[in-house]
Protein backbone atom coordinates (compact mmCIF):
# COMPACT_ATOMS: atom_id res chain seq x y z
CA MET A 1 -5.17 -123.30 42.62
CA GLU A 2 -6.98 -120.30 40.76
CA PRO A 3 -4.66 -117.10 40.32
CA GLY A 4 -7.61 -115.36 41.78
CA LYS A 5 -8.39 -117.78 44.65
CA LYS A 6 -4.71 -118.23 45.22
CA ARG A 7 -4.34 -114.20 46.19
CA LEU A 8 -7.51 -114.60 48.03
CA ALA A 9 -5.93 -117.05 50.22
CA LEU A 10 -2.87 -115.35 50.93
CA HIS A 11 -4.94 -112.59 52.91
CA ALA A 12 -6.88 -115.25 54.59
CA PRO A 13 -6.85 -113.05 57.84
CA LEU A 14 -8.74 -110.42 56.05
CA LEU A 15 -10.86 -112.86 54.39
CA ARG A 16 -12.28 -115.00 56.77
CA PHE A 17 -15.25 -114.37 55.08
CA LEU A 18 -15.83 -118.03 54.12
CA LEU A 19 -19.02 -117.23 53.19
CA GLY A 20 -22.16 -119.44 53.87
CA LEU A 21 -26.03 -119.14 54.13
CA ALA A 22 -27.29 -118.37 50.61
CA ILE A 23 -30.51 -116.82 51.39
CA LEU A 24 -32.09 -116.66 48.21
CA VAL A 25 -31.64 -119.30 45.21
CA ALA A 26 -31.66 -117.52 41.63
CA PRO A 27 -34.93 -118.88 39.80
CA SER A 28 -33.35 -120.52 36.76
CA ALA A 29 -34.93 -118.06 34.15
CA ALA A 30 -34.16 -114.95 35.96
CA PRO A 31 -32.34 -112.67 33.38
CA ARG A 32 -28.55 -111.86 33.02
CA ALA A 33 -26.65 -109.17 35.27
CA GLU A 34 -25.56 -106.66 33.58
CA SER A 35 -21.65 -107.06 32.90
CA GLY A 36 -19.00 -106.71 30.33
CA LYS A 37 -17.45 -103.52 28.84
CA GLY A 38 -19.50 -100.40 29.88
CA ALA A 39 -21.62 -102.21 32.61
CA ARG A 40 -21.84 -99.56 35.56
CA GLU A 41 -19.56 -99.92 38.28
CA LEU A 42 -20.70 -101.16 41.80
CA THR A 43 -19.62 -100.06 45.20
CA PHE A 44 -18.75 -101.64 48.06
CA GLY A 45 -19.31 -99.98 51.58
CA SER A 46 -17.77 -100.71 54.71
CA VAL A 47 -16.84 -99.51 57.65
CA ALA A 48 -13.34 -98.94 58.10
CA MET A 49 -12.51 -100.71 61.41
CA ASP A 50 -8.87 -100.63 60.76
CA ILE A 51 -7.05 -97.39 59.21
CA PRO A 52 -8.42 -96.72 55.82
CA ALA A 53 -4.72 -97.50 54.36
CA GLU A 54 -5.06 -101.20 55.80
CA MET A 55 -8.50 -101.41 54.87
CA HIS A 56 -7.61 -100.77 51.22
CA ARG A 57 -4.96 -103.13 51.18
CA ARG A 58 -6.27 -106.02 53.03
CA LEU A 59 -9.82 -106.14 50.75
CA ARG A 60 -8.27 -104.82 47.41
CA PRO A 61 -7.87 -108.90 46.78
CA LEU A 62 -11.79 -109.35 47.56
CA MET A 63 -12.67 -106.09 44.99
CA ASP A 64 -10.00 -107.86 42.12
CA TYR A 65 -11.93 -111.20 43.01
CA LEU A 66 -15.79 -109.83 42.35
CA SER A 67 -14.36 -107.45 39.65
CA ALA A 68 -13.59 -110.75 37.80
CA GLU A 69 -16.52 -112.74 39.20
CA LEU A 70 -18.77 -110.50 38.10
CA LYS A 71 -17.18 -109.18 35.34
CA ARG A 72 -17.68 -104.91 35.97
CA PRO A 73 -15.16 -102.52 38.56
CA VAL A 74 -16.41 -102.98 41.91
CA GLN A 75 -14.79 -100.30 43.75
CA LEU A 76 -14.00 -99.90 47.73
CA LYS A 77 -15.93 -97.01 49.85
CA LEU A 78 -14.88 -96.63 53.22
CA SER A 79 -17.61 -95.02 55.81
CA ALA A 80 -16.19 -93.22 59.10
CA ASP A 81 -18.59 -95.23 61.43
CA LEU A 82 -21.40 -97.69 61.54
CA SER A 83 -23.87 -95.41 60.97
CA LYS A 84 -22.41 -94.10 58.12
CA ALA A 85 -22.53 -97.34 57.11
CA ALA A 86 -25.62 -98.17 56.93
CA ASP A 87 -26.95 -94.71 55.74
CA GLU A 88 -24.52 -94.79 52.71
CA LEU A 89 -26.56 -98.41 51.51
CA ALA A 90 -29.85 -97.19 52.63
CA SER A 91 -29.53 -94.17 50.26
CA GLY A 92 -27.78 -96.18 47.54
CA ASN A 93 -24.82 -94.37 47.73
CA VAL A 94 -23.42 -97.82 47.82
CA ASP A 95 -24.19 -100.79 46.32
CA ILE A 96 -23.09 -103.29 48.41
CA ALA A 97 -21.82 -103.39 52.11
CA TYR A 98 -20.20 -105.35 54.62
CA LEU A 99 -22.38 -104.16 58.00
CA THR A 100 -23.65 -105.64 60.58
CA PRO A 101 -26.42 -107.01 61.88
CA VAL A 102 -27.70 -103.61 63.71
CA ALA A 103 -26.39 -101.63 61.27
CA TYR A 104 -28.07 -103.96 58.51
CA ILE A 105 -31.79 -103.82 59.88
CA LYS A 106 -31.26 -100.10 60.04
CA ALA A 107 -30.50 -100.16 56.42
CA GLN A 108 -33.22 -102.25 55.47
CA ARG A 109 -35.76 -100.83 57.64
CA ALA A 110 -34.48 -96.65 55.80
CA GLY A 111 -34.01 -98.01 52.18
CA GLY A 112 -35.01 -101.51 51.38
CA ALA A 113 -31.11 -103.17 51.97
CA ARG A 114 -31.34 -106.67 50.90
CA LEU A 115 -29.34 -109.54 52.88
CA VAL A 116 -27.00 -111.82 50.65
CA ALA A 117 -24.81 -113.62 52.62
CA LYS A 118 -23.89 -113.71 56.23
CA THR A 119 -19.70 -114.66 57.08
CA VAL A 120 -18.43 -117.24 58.98
CA THR A 121 -15.41 -117.10 61.23
CA ARG A 122 -13.71 -120.00 61.92
CA GLY A 123 -16.11 -122.34 60.96
CA ASP A 124 -18.84 -120.58 62.94
CA LYS A 125 -21.46 -118.65 61.94
CA SER A 126 -21.55 -115.95 64.59
CA PHE A 127 -18.51 -113.71 66.05
CA GLN A 128 -17.42 -112.32 69.44
CA LEU A 129 -16.50 -109.82 70.77
CA MET A 130 -12.85 -110.00 73.19
CA LEU A 131 -11.65 -107.56 76.10
CA VAL A 132 -8.21 -107.73 75.16
CA VAL A 133 -5.00 -106.38 77.91
CA ARG A 134 -1.47 -105.99 77.22
CA ARG A 135 0.22 -109.56 77.62
CA ASP A 136 2.40 -108.21 80.44
CA SER A 137 -0.85 -106.66 82.13
CA PRO A 138 -1.64 -107.36 85.42
CA ILE A 139 -4.98 -107.19 84.91
CA LYS A 140 -6.11 -110.95 85.09
CA SER A 141 -10.13 -110.74 85.46
CA VAL A 142 -12.48 -108.33 84.37
CA ARG A 143 -13.48 -107.38 87.80
CA ASP A 144 -9.74 -105.56 87.48
CA LEU A 145 -11.07 -103.37 85.35
CA ALA A 146 -12.71 -101.22 87.40
CA GLY A 147 -10.71 -97.74 87.83
CA LYS A 148 -8.91 -98.80 84.51
CA SER A 149 -8.37 -96.83 81.27
CA PHE A 150 -10.69 -98.18 78.61
CA ALA A 151 -10.91 -98.12 74.31
CA PHE A 152 -13.82 -98.52 72.90
CA GLY A 153 -14.48 -98.15 68.91
CA ASP A 154 -17.70 -96.68 67.42
CA PRO A 155 -20.12 -95.06 69.59
CA ALA A 156 -22.86 -96.54 68.01
CA ALA A 157 -21.63 -99.43 68.07
CA ILE A 158 -23.85 -100.56 71.19
CA LEU A 159 -22.99 -104.23 71.31
CA GLN A 160 -19.30 -102.91 72.67
CA ARG A 161 -20.69 -101.56 75.89
CA ALA A 162 -23.27 -104.53 76.25
CA VAL A 163 -20.40 -106.84 76.21
CA LEU A 164 -18.57 -104.98 78.64
CA VAL A 165 -21.25 -104.49 81.29
CA ASN A 166 -22.57 -108.07 80.93
CA ALA A 167 -19.26 -109.20 81.64
CA GLY A 168 -19.42 -107.41 85.02
CA VAL A 169 -18.31 -104.03 84.88
CA LYS A 170 -20.21 -100.58 84.39
CA LEU A 171 -19.34 -97.63 82.12
CA GLU A 172 -19.00 -95.53 85.95
CA GLN A 173 -16.62 -98.54 87.39
CA LEU A 174 -14.06 -97.87 84.95
CA GLY A 175 -11.17 -94.80 85.10
CA SER A 176 -12.29 -93.25 82.39
CA TYR A 177 -13.16 -94.37 78.72
CA LYS A 178 -12.94 -93.49 75.00
CA PHE A 179 -14.37 -94.31 71.66
CA ILE A 180 -11.21 -93.60 69.16
CA GLY A 181 -12.76 -95.17 65.91
CA HIS A 182 -10.82 -98.41 64.50
CA TYR A 183 -10.39 -101.75 66.08
CA ASP A 184 -6.12 -101.23 65.11
CA ASN A 185 -6.46 -98.05 66.82
CA ILE A 186 -8.05 -100.13 69.68
CA ALA A 187 -5.01 -102.14 69.21
CA ARG A 188 -2.23 -100.14 68.91
CA GLY A 189 -3.91 -98.33 72.06
CA VAL A 190 -3.90 -100.71 74.09
CA ALA A 191 -0.74 -102.24 73.33
CA ASN A 192 1.04 -98.96 73.28
CA GLY A 193 -0.21 -98.64 76.98
CA ASP A 194 -2.29 -95.56 76.24
CA PHE A 195 -5.07 -97.62 77.85
CA ASP A 196 -5.56 -100.56 79.93
CA ALA A 197 -7.85 -102.66 77.98
CA GLY A 198 -9.94 -102.41 75.09
CA ILE A 199 -13.01 -104.14 73.06
CA LEU A 200 -12.14 -105.84 69.96
CA LYS A 201 -14.20 -108.24 67.18
CA ASP A 202 -12.43 -111.33 67.65
CA THR A 203 -10.51 -111.90 64.52
CA THR A 204 -8.36 -108.66 65.29
CA ALA A 205 -7.69 -110.44 68.56
CA TYR A 206 -6.00 -113.56 67.34
CA GLU A 207 -4.12 -111.47 65.13
CA TRP A 208 -2.92 -109.01 67.77
CA GLU A 209 -2.25 -111.87 70.38
CA ARG A 210 0.75 -112.72 68.42
CA LYS A 211 1.66 -109.13 68.76
CA GLY A 212 1.61 -108.45 72.73
CA LEU A 213 -1.87 -108.80 73.52
CA ARG A 214 -4.15 -111.10 75.93
CA VAL A 215 -7.83 -112.23 75.75
CA LEU A 216 -9.27 -111.12 79.28
CA HIS A 217 -12.85 -112.59 78.00
CA ALA A 218 -14.74 -113.41 75.47
CA SER A 219 -18.32 -112.40 74.82
CA PRO A 220 -20.77 -115.40 73.79
CA PRO A 221 -21.39 -116.21 70.36
CA LEU A 222 -22.66 -112.75 68.28
CA PRO A 223 -25.52 -112.88 65.08
CA PRO A 224 -22.88 -112.76 62.09
CA TYR A 225 -21.78 -109.81 60.14
CA ASN A 226 -23.90 -110.07 57.10
CA ILE A 227 -23.35 -108.66 52.86
CA ALA A 228 -26.21 -106.73 51.53
CA VAL A 229 -26.93 -104.83 48.88
CA SER A 230 -29.12 -101.50 47.99
CA LYS A 231 -32.65 -101.80 46.53
CA ARG A 232 -31.21 -100.94 43.26
CA VAL A 233 -29.13 -103.51 42.50
CA ASP A 234 -31.32 -105.77 40.24
CA GLU A 235 -31.77 -108.83 40.96
CA PRO A 236 -29.28 -110.82 38.34
CA THR A 237 -27.01 -108.89 40.14
CA ARG A 238 -28.17 -110.09 43.66
CA ASN A 239 -27.99 -113.53 42.24
CA ALA A 240 -24.71 -113.08 40.86
CA LEU A 241 -23.14 -111.72 43.53
CA ARG A 242 -24.39 -114.48 45.82
CA GLN A 243 -22.92 -117.20 43.81
CA ALA A 244 -19.35 -115.60 43.78
CA LEU A 245 -19.39 -114.69 47.38
CA LEU A 246 -19.60 -118.63 47.81
CA ARG A 247 -17.43 -119.95 45.87
CA LEU A 248 -14.86 -118.04 47.46
């Protein structure tokens, strides 16, 4: 296995980025992407789904891989929430971003962001949001969440609330709820007993099943996360990025 691929394989829990769906095919006569010494640094944006230090640790192998493949520096830039992440891409403050479908649409409409690839999770071109409780919790069904405390992530992540409501519990039926940011915060809050339940992305839920949480309910398959670029990223660089992602 090549060294770069080996580093990525060691971080598979984060890089469930076996990326499929090449959206565009580079024309054979397209100009070459800027690369090599003196090439402009690219910034890779993402909402901080976990605490920033953990996000940097997890995504460092991907930044190193892309830097090597594109032959130019690629640096991670985290955003505090989904709205900020979309705005950063739309304004060109970041070149590449990993966004939810809703955040991508916002960036595309506001600033002409372009889709490069869609992610897959465990071979599926979709993901799920999962309601979780402690493994030893007396909560056995979604109906049992009435009157309980609940942890959400980002106020802009409307899918999180929709999943809970569609599962059969309205917000006003909860005893209390709070938006606490990162998925890691939600998982720790539930595991520590600060909240009776919370909502996690599937990959985070799978990880925390080994750490004392239990999945109470899983949403139907949802549209996958997107990797997109700002409109200032030229076509050769877009194509080079797409091919690098598809080689993961």
